[in-house]
């Protein structure tokens, strides 16, 4: 039986990645994007954790559409910066600041930090909300280091400065089909897909 799911996002790059991953994991899912629903809400992310923000988005989407909804909230957590940008990854350096500028700010703050101390992780929470009010969530991480300079043209966000030592490249140097198997978002959506399949 094919699942009908709405991805609760207005970010087409991120939601495109989510749709690609879910399409691989689930049996012929029927996936829509919240941004394509007229008058779709864009709730304020007032949570104190990634899981809380994902839940806010998933619940708002399920209530608006009356359909099974899935949302994620993710960010870059840098140890040497006390966990920043973390929950505020999208707003780091200002709402209107480009990711190129955000990355430059991080690299500037870390210019004196030696490689062993450049540990970082992408963290991702995924929430699944049903129209009847049920909610389940999962959370995963992808460990790495902050690179000395941006590299790569794939992906989006902070991918060009997130270095994966075991692969010897940044996340932005990975083709999408490979990234979509090993990223924090891929891991979280895999767990979420297992929950969804158990409900069918």
N, C-alpha and C. Protein backbone atom coordinates (compact mmCIF):
# COMPACT_ATOMS: atom_id res chain seq x y z
N UNK A 1 0.84 -1.19 0.00
CA UNK A 1 0.00 0.00 0.00
C UNK A 1 0.89 1.25 0.00
N UNK A 2 0.60 2.16 -0.92
CA UNK A 2 1.42 3.37 -1.05
C UNK A 2 1.02 4.41 0.00
N UNK A 3 2.02 4.97 0.65
CA UNK A 3 1.78 6.00 1.65
C UNK A 3 1.63 7.36 1.00
N UNK A 4 0.71 8.17 1.52
CA UNK A 4 0.59 9.56 1.11
C UNK A 4 1.18 10.42 2.22
N UNK A 5 2.19 11.21 1.88
CA UNK A 5 2.94 11.98 2.85
C UNK A 5 3.10 13.42 2.36
N UNK A 6 3.04 14.35 3.29
CA UNK A 6 3.39 15.74 2.96
C UNK A 6 4.69 16.07 3.69
N UNK A 7 5.67 16.56 2.93
CA UNK A 7 6.91 17.04 3.54
C UNK A 7 6.68 18.48 4.00
N UNK A 8 6.77 18.69 5.31
CA UNK A 8 6.42 19.98 5.90
C UNK A 8 7.58 20.96 5.79
N UNK A 9 7.75 21.50 4.59
CA UNK A 9 8.87 22.43 4.38
C UNK A 9 8.54 23.41 3.26
N UNK A 10 9.12 24.60 3.37
CA UNK A 10 9.04 25.60 2.30
C UNK A 10 10.40 25.73 1.61
N UNK A 11 11.38 24.97 2.09
CA UNK A 11 12.73 25.01 1.53
C UNK A 11 12.84 23.93 0.45
N UNK A 12 12.85 24.34 -0.80
CA UNK A 12 12.78 23.36 -1.90
C UNK A 12 14.05 22.53 -2.05
N UNK A 13 15.20 23.09 -1.70
CA UNK A 13 16.44 22.30 -1.79
C UNK A 13 16.42 21.17 -0.77
N UNK A 14 16.11 21.53 0.48
CA UNK A 14 16.08 20.53 1.53
C UNK A 14 14.96 19.52 1.30
N UNK A 15 13.78 20.00 0.92
CA UNK A 15 12.66 19.08 0.73
C UNK A 15 12.88 18.18 -0.48
N UNK A 16 13.59 18.69 -1.49
CA UNK A 16 13.92 17.85 -2.64
C UNK A 16 14.81 16.69 -2.22
N UNK A 17 15.74 16.98 -1.32
CA UNK A 17 16.62 15.94 -0.78
C UNK A 17 15.80 14.93 0.04
N UNK A 18 14.87 15.44 0.86
CA UNK A 18 14.03 14.55 1.67
C UNK A 18 13.17 13.64 0.79
N UNK A 19 12.59 14.23 -0.25
CA UNK A 19 11.73 13.44 -1.16
C UNK A 19 12.55 12.35 -1.86
N UNK A 20 13.76 12.69 -2.30
CA UNK A 20 14.63 11.71 -2.97
C UNK A 20 14.95 10.54 -2.04
N UNK A 21 15.26 10.86 -0.77
CA UNK A 21 15.60 9.81 0.20
C UNK A 21 14.39 8.94 0.51
N UNK A 22 13.24 9.58 0.77
CA UNK A 22 12.03 8.82 1.11
C UNK A 22 11.56 7.95 -0.05
N UNK A 23 11.74 8.43 -1.27
CA UNK A 23 11.34 7.66 -2.45
C UNK A 23 12.15 6.37 -2.56
N UNK A 24 13.43 6.44 -2.15
CA UNK A 24 14.29 5.25 -2.15
C UNK A 24 13.90 4.28 -1.03
N UNK A 25 13.48 4.83 0.10
CA UNK A 25 13.25 4.00 1.29
C UNK A 25 11.87 3.37 1.35
N UNK A 26 10.88 4.02 0.76
CA UNK A 26 9.49 3.56 0.87
C UNK A 26 9.01 2.98 -0.45
N UNK A 27 7.95 2.20 -0.37
CA UNK A 27 7.39 1.53 -1.55
C UNK A 27 6.43 2.47 -2.27
N UNK A 28 6.89 3.08 -3.35
CA UNK A 28 6.09 3.96 -4.20
C UNK A 28 5.27 4.98 -3.42
N UNK A 29 5.93 5.79 -2.59
CA UNK A 29 5.16 6.76 -1.80
C UNK A 29 4.59 7.88 -2.68
N UNK A 30 3.48 8.43 -2.25
CA UNK A 30 2.88 9.59 -2.90
C UNK A 30 3.25 10.80 -2.03
N UNK A 31 4.26 11.57 -2.46
CA UNK A 31 4.82 12.63 -1.61
C UNK A 31 4.50 14.01 -2.18
N UNK A 32 3.94 14.86 -1.34
CA UNK A 32 3.67 16.26 -1.70
C UNK A 32 4.55 17.16 -0.85
N UNK A 33 4.60 18.41 -1.24
CA UNK A 33 5.38 19.41 -0.52
C UNK A 33 4.43 20.47 0.04
N UNK A 34 4.57 20.78 1.31
CA UNK A 34 3.67 21.75 1.95
C UNK A 34 3.66 23.08 1.19
N UNK A 35 4.81 23.49 0.68
CA UNK A 35 4.90 24.77 -0.03
C UNK A 35 3.97 24.84 -1.23
N UNK A 36 3.53 23.69 -1.74
CA UNK A 36 2.64 23.65 -2.91
C UNK A 36 1.16 23.76 -2.52
N UNK A 37 0.86 23.77 -1.23
CA UNK A 37 -0.52 23.94 -0.77
C UNK A 37 -0.79 25.44 -0.58
N UNK A 38 -1.84 25.93 -1.22
CA UNK A 38 -2.16 27.36 -1.11
C UNK A 38 -2.44 27.75 0.34
N UNK A 39 -1.82 28.82 0.78
CA UNK A 39 -2.03 29.29 2.15
C UNK A 39 -1.34 28.46 3.21
N UNK A 40 -0.39 27.65 2.78
CA UNK A 40 0.30 26.75 3.72
C UNK A 40 0.99 27.52 4.83
N UNK A 41 0.90 27.03 6.07
CA UNK A 41 1.52 27.73 7.19
C UNK A 41 3.04 27.57 7.20
N UNK A 42 3.70 28.53 7.77
CA UNK A 42 5.15 28.44 8.01
C UNK A 42 5.34 28.79 9.49
N UNK A 43 5.10 27.80 10.37
CA UNK A 43 5.08 28.10 11.80
C UNK A 43 6.43 28.58 12.33
N UNK A 44 6.36 29.38 13.36
CA UNK A 44 7.58 29.88 13.99
C UNK A 44 8.25 28.75 14.75
N UNK A 45 9.55 28.60 14.54
CA UNK A 45 10.30 27.51 15.19
C UNK A 45 10.75 27.99 16.57
N UNK A 46 9.90 27.79 17.55
CA UNK A 46 10.16 28.30 18.91
C UNK A 46 10.70 27.22 19.85
N UNK A 47 10.97 26.03 19.33
CA UNK A 47 11.46 24.94 20.17
C UNK A 47 12.86 25.20 20.70
N UNK A 48 13.21 24.48 21.76
CA UNK A 48 14.54 24.59 22.36
C UNK A 48 15.47 23.47 21.90
N UNK A 49 14.94 22.56 21.09
CA UNK A 49 15.73 21.45 20.55
C UNK A 49 15.35 21.23 19.10
N UNK A 50 16.17 20.47 18.38
CA UNK A 50 15.84 20.11 17.01
C UNK A 50 14.54 19.31 16.96
N UNK A 51 14.36 18.39 17.92
CA UNK A 51 13.15 17.57 17.93
C UNK A 51 11.90 18.41 18.13
N UNK A 52 11.99 19.40 19.02
CA UNK A 52 10.82 20.26 19.26
C UNK A 52 10.46 21.05 18.01
N UNK A 53 11.45 21.58 17.33
CA UNK A 53 11.17 22.34 16.10
C UNK A 53 10.60 21.45 15.00
N UNK A 54 11.14 20.25 14.86
CA UNK A 54 10.60 19.32 13.85
C UNK A 54 9.15 19.00 14.17
N UNK A 55 8.84 18.80 15.44
CA UNK A 55 7.47 18.48 15.86
C UNK A 55 6.52 19.64 15.57
N UNK A 56 6.96 20.86 15.83
CA UNK A 56 6.13 22.04 15.56
C UNK A 56 5.74 22.07 14.08
N UNK A 57 6.72 21.84 13.22
CA UNK A 57 6.46 21.91 11.77
C UNK A 57 5.58 20.75 11.30
N UNK A 58 5.86 19.55 11.79
CA UNK A 58 5.08 18.38 11.36
C UNK A 58 3.62 18.50 11.81
N UNK A 59 3.42 18.92 13.06
CA UNK A 59 2.04 19.05 13.58
C UNK A 59 1.26 20.11 12.81
N UNK A 60 1.88 21.26 12.56
CA UNK A 60 1.19 22.33 11.83
C UNK A 60 0.79 21.86 10.43
N UNK A 61 1.66 21.11 9.80
CA UNK A 61 1.38 20.59 8.45
C UNK A 61 0.24 19.59 8.47
N UNK A 62 0.27 18.67 9.43
CA UNK A 62 -0.78 17.65 9.52
C UNK A 62 -2.14 18.29 9.79
N UNK A 63 -2.16 19.30 10.65
CA UNK A 63 -3.42 19.98 10.97
C UNK A 63 -3.96 20.73 9.76
N UNK A 64 -3.05 21.35 8.98
CA UNK A 64 -3.47 22.15 7.83
C UNK A 64 -3.94 21.27 6.67
N UNK A 65 -3.19 20.21 6.39
CA UNK A 65 -3.48 19.38 5.21
C UNK A 65 -4.43 18.22 5.51
N UNK A 66 -4.51 17.81 6.79
CA UNK A 66 -5.29 16.61 7.12
C UNK A 66 -4.62 15.34 6.65
N UNK A 67 -3.29 15.41 6.40
CA UNK A 67 -2.55 14.27 5.87
C UNK A 67 -1.34 13.95 6.76
N UNK A 68 -0.86 12.73 6.65
CA UNK A 68 0.36 12.33 7.33
C UNK A 68 1.49 13.28 6.90
N UNK A 69 2.19 13.83 7.88
CA UNK A 69 3.21 14.85 7.58
C UNK A 69 4.54 14.48 8.21
N UNK A 70 5.60 14.89 7.55
CA UNK A 70 6.95 14.62 8.06
C UNK A 70 7.78 15.89 7.93
N UNK A 71 8.51 16.21 9.00
CA UNK A 71 9.33 17.42 9.00
C UNK A 71 10.68 17.11 9.62
N UNK A 72 11.66 17.89 9.24
CA UNK A 72 12.96 17.74 9.90
C UNK A 72 13.43 19.09 10.40
N UNK A 73 14.34 19.05 11.35
CA UNK A 73 15.07 20.23 11.77
C UNK A 73 16.50 19.79 11.98
N UNK A 74 17.41 20.53 11.41
CA UNK A 74 18.81 20.10 11.44
C UNK A 74 19.72 21.30 11.60
N UNK A 75 20.94 21.02 12.02
CA UNK A 75 21.90 22.10 12.17
C UNK A 75 23.31 21.58 12.33
N UNK A 76 24.24 22.51 12.24
CA UNK A 76 25.66 22.22 12.40
C UNK A 76 26.08 22.56 13.83
N UNK A 77 26.67 21.60 14.51
CA UNK A 77 27.10 21.78 15.90
C UNK A 77 28.63 21.70 15.93
N UNK A 78 29.28 22.80 16.32
CA UNK A 78 30.74 22.87 16.31
C UNK A 78 31.26 22.94 17.75
N UNK A 79 32.04 21.95 18.13
CA UNK A 79 32.53 21.88 19.52
C UNK A 79 33.32 23.12 19.93
N UNK A 80 34.23 23.57 19.06
CA UNK A 80 35.10 24.69 19.40
C UNK A 80 34.33 26.00 19.54
N UNK A 81 33.09 26.03 19.04
CA UNK A 81 32.24 27.23 19.15
C UNK A 81 31.16 27.04 20.20
N UNK A 82 31.39 26.10 21.10
CA UNK A 82 30.43 25.87 22.18
C UNK A 82 29.10 25.32 21.70
N UNK A 83 29.13 24.62 20.57
CA UNK A 83 27.90 24.04 20.02
C UNK A 83 27.22 24.90 18.97
N UNK A 84 27.71 26.12 18.78
CA UNK A 84 27.15 27.00 17.74
C UNK A 84 27.56 26.48 16.35
N UNK A 85 26.82 26.85 15.29
CA UNK A 85 25.57 27.60 15.30
C UNK A 85 24.36 26.80 15.80
N UNK A 86 24.45 25.47 15.79
CA UNK A 86 23.44 24.62 16.39
C UNK A 86 22.03 24.90 15.93
N UNK A 87 21.15 25.12 16.90
CA UNK A 87 19.73 25.34 16.63
C UNK A 87 19.50 26.57 15.75
N UNK A 88 20.49 27.47 15.74
CA UNK A 88 20.35 28.72 14.99
C UNK A 88 21.16 28.71 13.69
N UNK A 89 21.41 27.51 13.17
CA UNK A 89 22.23 27.38 11.96
C UNK A 89 21.71 28.21 10.80
N UNK A 90 20.39 28.22 10.62
CA UNK A 90 19.80 28.95 9.51
C UNK A 90 19.90 30.47 9.74
N UNK A 91 19.88 30.89 11.00
CA UNK A 91 19.88 32.32 11.32
C UNK A 91 21.25 32.85 11.73
N UNK A 92 22.25 31.98 11.75
CA UNK A 92 23.60 32.37 12.19
C UNK A 92 24.12 33.53 11.34
N UNK A 93 24.55 34.60 12.02
CA UNK A 93 25.06 35.76 11.30
C UNK A 93 23.99 36.64 10.72
N UNK A 94 22.71 36.30 10.96
CA UNK A 94 21.59 37.09 10.44
C UNK A 94 20.77 36.33 9.42
N UNK A 95 19.45 36.56 9.43
CA UNK A 95 18.51 35.86 8.54
C UNK A 95 18.87 36.06 7.06
N UNK A 96 19.33 37.26 6.72
CA UNK A 96 19.58 37.59 5.31
C UNK A 96 21.00 37.24 4.87
N UNK A 97 21.83 36.75 5.80
CA UNK A 97 23.21 36.41 5.47
C UNK A 97 23.26 35.13 4.65
N UNK A 98 24.00 35.13 3.56
CA UNK A 98 24.10 33.93 2.72
C UNK A 98 24.91 32.85 3.44
N UNK A 99 24.74 31.61 2.97
CA UNK A 99 25.52 30.53 3.59
C UNK A 99 27.01 30.69 3.31
N UNK A 100 27.36 31.32 2.20
CA UNK A 100 28.76 31.61 1.94
C UNK A 100 29.33 32.51 3.03
N UNK A 101 28.56 33.52 3.42
CA UNK A 101 28.99 34.44 4.47
C UNK A 101 28.98 33.77 5.84
N UNK A 102 27.99 32.92 6.07
CA UNK A 102 27.93 32.19 7.35
C UNK A 102 29.16 31.30 7.50
N UNK A 103 29.51 30.60 6.43
CA UNK A 103 30.68 29.72 6.48
C UNK A 103 31.96 30.53 6.71
N UNK A 104 32.05 31.69 6.06
CA UNK A 104 33.22 32.55 6.24
C UNK A 104 33.34 33.01 7.69
N UNK A 105 32.22 33.29 8.34
CA UNK A 105 32.22 33.69 9.75
C UNK A 105 32.76 32.56 10.63
N UNK A 106 32.29 31.34 10.37
CA UNK A 106 32.75 30.19 11.15
C UNK A 106 34.24 29.95 10.94
N UNK A 107 34.69 30.00 9.70
CA UNK A 107 36.11 29.77 9.41
C UNK A 107 36.98 30.85 10.04
N UNK A 108 36.50 32.07 10.06
CA UNK A 108 37.26 33.17 10.68
C UNK A 108 37.37 32.93 12.19
N UNK A 109 36.27 32.51 12.82
CA UNK A 109 36.28 32.26 14.26
C UNK A 109 37.18 31.07 14.62
N UNK A 110 37.41 30.18 13.63
CA UNK A 110 38.18 28.97 13.91
C UNK A 110 39.57 28.97 13.28
N UNK A 111 40.03 30.12 12.84
CA UNK A 111 41.30 30.15 12.09
C UNK A 111 42.49 29.71 12.93
N UNK A 112 42.41 29.85 14.25
CA UNK A 112 43.51 29.42 15.12
C UNK A 112 43.29 28.04 15.73
N UNK A 113 42.18 27.38 15.36
CA UNK A 113 41.85 26.08 15.96
C UNK A 113 42.52 24.95 15.17
N UNK A 114 43.33 24.15 15.86
CA UNK A 114 44.03 23.04 15.21
C UNK A 114 43.06 21.93 14.81
N UNK A 115 43.45 21.12 13.82
CA UNK A 115 42.56 20.09 13.28
C UNK A 115 41.97 19.15 14.34
N UNK A 116 42.76 18.67 15.32
CA UNK A 116 42.16 17.74 16.29
C UNK A 116 41.01 18.35 17.08
N UNK A 117 40.98 19.70 17.12
CA UNK A 117 39.95 20.38 17.90
C UNK A 117 38.84 20.96 17.04
N UNK A 118 38.79 20.53 15.77
CA UNK A 118 37.79 21.08 14.84
C UNK A 118 36.57 20.16 14.69
N UNK A 119 36.34 19.31 15.68
CA UNK A 119 35.23 18.34 15.61
C UNK A 119 33.89 19.05 15.50
N UNK A 120 33.03 18.47 14.68
CA UNK A 120 31.69 19.02 14.47
C UNK A 120 30.76 17.90 14.05
N UNK A 121 29.49 18.18 14.09
CA UNK A 121 28.52 17.19 13.62
C UNK A 121 27.30 17.89 13.04
N UNK A 122 26.74 17.25 12.05
CA UNK A 122 25.41 17.64 11.60
C UNK A 122 24.42 16.83 12.44
N UNK A 123 23.45 17.50 12.99
CA UNK A 123 22.42 16.84 13.81
C UNK A 123 21.09 17.01 13.10
N UNK A 124 20.28 15.96 13.09
CA UNK A 124 18.99 16.02 12.40
C UNK A 124 17.92 15.30 13.20
N UNK A 125 16.82 15.98 13.41
CA UNK A 125 15.64 15.36 14.02
C UNK A 125 14.54 15.32 12.97
N UNK A 126 13.83 14.21 12.92
CA UNK A 126 12.69 14.06 12.01
C UNK A 126 11.46 13.73 12.84
N UNK A 127 10.38 14.44 12.59
CA UNK A 127 9.11 14.19 13.29
C UNK A 127 8.06 13.76 12.28
N UNK A 128 7.26 12.79 12.68
CA UNK A 128 6.14 12.30 11.87
C UNK A 128 4.87 12.64 12.64
N UNK A 129 3.95 13.35 11.99
CA UNK A 129 2.69 13.72 12.64
C UNK A 129 1.51 13.18 11.83
N UNK A 130 0.58 12.60 12.54
CA UNK A 130 -0.66 12.12 11.93
C UNK A 130 -1.77 13.14 12.19
N UNK A 131 -2.76 13.21 11.32
CA UNK A 131 -3.86 14.16 11.52
C UNK A 131 -4.62 13.94 12.83
N UNK A 132 -4.56 12.72 13.38
CA UNK A 132 -5.28 12.45 14.64
C UNK A 132 -4.50 12.91 15.87
N UNK A 133 -3.32 13.53 15.66
CA UNK A 133 -2.57 14.07 16.78
C UNK A 133 -1.38 13.22 17.21
N UNK A 134 -1.27 12.00 16.71
CA UNK A 134 -0.12 11.17 17.07
C UNK A 134 1.16 11.79 16.52
N UNK A 135 2.25 11.58 17.25
CA UNK A 135 3.53 12.12 16.80
C UNK A 135 4.65 11.18 17.23
N UNK A 136 5.59 10.93 16.31
CA UNK A 136 6.80 10.18 16.65
C UNK A 136 7.99 10.93 16.08
N UNK A 137 9.12 10.83 16.78
CA UNK A 137 10.30 11.52 16.27
C UNK A 137 11.56 10.70 16.50
N UNK A 138 12.56 10.99 15.69
CA UNK A 138 13.86 10.31 15.78
C UNK A 138 14.94 11.39 15.61
N UNK A 139 16.16 11.07 16.04
CA UNK A 139 17.25 12.03 15.88
C UNK A 139 18.55 11.29 15.64
N UNK A 140 19.37 11.82 14.73
CA UNK A 140 20.66 11.19 14.41
C UNK A 140 21.71 12.28 14.19
N UNK A 141 22.97 11.84 14.09
CA UNK A 141 24.07 12.77 13.81
C UNK A 141 24.98 12.18 12.73
N UNK A 142 25.76 13.07 12.13
CA UNK A 142 26.82 12.68 11.21
C UNK A 142 28.06 13.42 11.68
N UNK A 143 29.11 12.68 12.09
CA UNK A 143 30.30 13.27 12.69
C UNK A 143 31.32 13.67 11.63
N UNK A 144 32.02 14.77 11.90
CA UNK A 144 33.05 15.22 10.97
C UNK A 144 33.92 16.29 11.59
N UNK A 145 34.58 17.06 10.74
CA UNK A 145 35.44 18.16 11.16
C UNK A 145 35.10 19.39 10.33
N UNK A 146 35.42 20.57 10.87
CA UNK A 146 35.29 21.78 10.07
C UNK A 146 36.54 21.91 9.20
N UNK A 147 36.33 21.98 7.89
CA UNK A 147 37.45 22.08 6.94
C UNK A 147 38.16 23.44 7.09
N UNK A 148 39.34 23.54 6.52
CA UNK A 148 40.08 24.81 6.55
C UNK A 148 39.52 25.82 5.56
N UNK A 149 38.84 25.31 4.53
CA UNK A 149 38.26 26.18 3.50
C UNK A 149 37.12 25.41 2.82
N UNK A 150 36.15 26.11 2.24
CA UNK A 150 35.05 25.43 1.55
C UNK A 150 35.55 24.65 0.35
N UNK A 151 34.95 23.46 0.14
CA UNK A 151 35.27 22.64 -1.03
C UNK A 151 34.00 21.95 -1.50
N UNK A 152 33.84 21.89 -2.81
CA UNK A 152 32.73 21.13 -3.38
C UNK A 152 31.56 22.01 -3.80
N UNK A 153 30.80 21.50 -4.73
CA UNK A 153 29.67 22.27 -5.29
C UNK A 153 28.33 21.57 -5.14
N UNK A 154 28.34 20.36 -4.61
CA UNK A 154 27.06 19.66 -4.39
C UNK A 154 26.45 20.13 -3.07
N UNK A 155 25.22 19.69 -2.84
CA UNK A 155 24.58 19.94 -1.56
C UNK A 155 24.19 21.39 -1.37
N UNK A 156 24.07 21.79 -0.11
CA UNK A 156 23.64 23.15 0.22
C UNK A 156 24.02 23.43 1.67
N UNK A 157 23.70 24.64 2.13
CA UNK A 157 23.99 24.97 3.52
C UNK A 157 25.48 24.93 3.83
N UNK A 158 25.82 24.26 4.93
CA UNK A 158 27.20 24.20 5.41
C UNK A 158 27.99 23.03 4.82
N UNK A 159 27.43 22.32 3.86
CA UNK A 159 28.10 21.15 3.29
C UNK A 159 29.55 21.40 2.86
N UNK A 160 29.87 22.57 2.25
CA UNK A 160 31.26 22.77 1.76
C UNK A 160 32.33 22.84 2.85
N UNK A 161 31.95 23.10 4.11
CA UNK A 161 32.99 23.17 5.15
C UNK A 161 32.90 21.98 6.11
N UNK A 162 32.03 21.02 5.80
CA UNK A 162 31.90 19.84 6.68
C UNK A 162 32.71 18.70 6.09
N UNK A 163 33.86 18.42 6.72
CA UNK A 163 34.81 17.43 6.20
C UNK A 163 34.57 16.07 6.85
N UNK A 164 34.55 15.05 6.02
CA UNK A 164 34.33 13.67 6.48
C UNK A 164 35.67 12.93 6.40
N UNK A 165 36.38 12.78 7.54
CA UNK A 165 37.72 12.19 7.50
C UNK A 165 37.78 10.80 6.87
N UNK A 166 36.78 9.97 7.15
CA UNK A 166 36.81 8.60 6.62
C UNK A 166 36.67 8.56 5.10
N UNK A 167 36.12 9.62 4.51
CA UNK A 167 35.98 9.68 3.05
C UNK A 167 36.99 10.63 2.41
N UNK A 168 37.64 11.46 3.23
CA UNK A 168 38.65 12.38 2.71
C UNK A 168 38.09 13.50 1.86
N UNK A 169 36.86 13.89 2.12
CA UNK A 169 36.23 14.96 1.34
C UNK A 169 35.17 15.66 2.17
N UNK A 170 34.69 16.79 1.66
CA UNK A 170 33.59 17.48 2.34
C UNK A 170 32.26 16.89 1.87
N UNK A 171 31.21 17.21 2.61
CA UNK A 171 29.88 16.75 2.22
C UNK A 171 29.50 17.29 0.85
N UNK A 172 29.99 18.49 0.52
CA UNK A 172 29.65 19.11 -0.77
C UNK A 172 30.40 18.50 -1.95
N UNK A 173 31.37 17.61 -1.66
CA UNK A 173 32.08 16.93 -2.74
C UNK A 173 31.46 15.58 -3.06
N UNK A 174 30.42 15.22 -2.31
CA UNK A 174 29.75 13.93 -2.54
C UNK A 174 28.59 14.09 -3.52
N UNK A 175 28.50 13.26 -4.54
CA UNK A 175 27.32 13.29 -5.41
C UNK A 175 26.07 13.04 -4.58
N UNK A 176 24.93 13.65 -4.95
CA UNK A 176 23.71 13.54 -4.15
C UNK A 176 23.31 12.11 -3.82
N UNK A 177 23.47 11.21 -4.79
CA UNK A 177 23.03 9.82 -4.54
C UNK A 177 23.87 9.15 -3.44
N UNK A 178 25.12 9.58 -3.29
CA UNK A 178 25.96 9.04 -2.22
C UNK A 178 25.66 9.74 -0.91
N UNK A 179 25.60 11.07 -0.94
CA UNK A 179 25.26 11.83 0.27
C UNK A 179 23.94 11.34 0.86
N UNK A 180 22.98 11.03 0.01
CA UNK A 180 21.66 10.64 0.48
C UNK A 180 21.63 9.24 1.10
N UNK A 181 22.79 8.61 1.18
CA UNK A 181 22.88 7.32 1.89
C UNK A 181 23.58 7.47 3.25
N UNK A 182 24.42 8.52 3.40
CA UNK A 182 25.26 8.58 4.60
C UNK A 182 25.04 9.83 5.47
N UNK A 183 24.26 10.77 4.99
CA UNK A 183 24.10 12.03 5.73
C UNK A 183 23.25 11.87 6.98
N UNK A 184 23.31 12.87 7.85
CA UNK A 184 22.46 12.92 9.04
C UNK A 184 20.99 12.83 8.68
N UNK A 185 20.60 13.52 7.61
CA UNK A 185 19.19 13.51 7.18
C UNK A 185 18.80 12.13 6.66
N UNK A 186 19.71 11.50 5.92
CA UNK A 186 19.44 10.16 5.40
C UNK A 186 19.26 9.16 6.54
N UNK A 187 20.12 9.26 7.56
CA UNK A 187 20.02 8.33 8.70
C UNK A 187 18.70 8.52 9.44
N UNK A 188 18.32 9.79 9.67
CA UNK A 188 17.08 10.06 10.39
C UNK A 188 15.86 9.62 9.59
N UNK A 189 15.89 9.87 8.28
CA UNK A 189 14.75 9.47 7.45
C UNK A 189 14.65 7.95 7.33
N UNK A 190 15.78 7.26 7.41
CA UNK A 190 15.74 5.80 7.39
C UNK A 190 14.99 5.29 8.63
N UNK A 191 15.32 5.86 9.79
CA UNK A 191 14.61 5.48 11.02
C UNK A 191 13.13 5.83 10.92
N UNK A 192 12.85 7.02 10.36
CA UNK A 192 11.45 7.44 10.23
C UNK A 192 10.69 6.53 9.26
N UNK A 193 11.37 6.10 8.20
CA UNK A 193 10.69 5.21 7.23
C UNK A 193 10.35 3.86 7.85
N UNK A 194 11.18 3.41 8.77
CA UNK A 194 10.88 2.16 9.46
C UNK A 194 9.63 2.31 10.33
N UNK A 195 9.48 3.47 10.96
CA UNK A 195 8.27 3.73 11.73
C UNK A 195 7.06 3.75 10.80
N UNK A 196 7.18 4.45 9.68
CA UNK A 196 6.08 4.55 8.73
C UNK A 196 5.67 3.17 8.18
N UNK A 197 6.67 2.36 7.85
CA UNK A 197 6.37 1.03 7.30
C UNK A 197 5.68 0.13 8.33
N UNK A 198 6.01 0.34 9.60
CA UNK A 198 5.38 -0.47 10.65
C UNK A 198 3.92 -0.09 10.87
N UNK A 199 3.52 1.09 10.34
CA UNK A 199 2.13 1.55 10.52
C UNK A 199 1.23 1.10 9.37
N UNK A 200 1.84 0.66 8.29
CA UNK A 200 1.03 0.30 7.09
C UNK A 200 0.31 -1.03 7.33
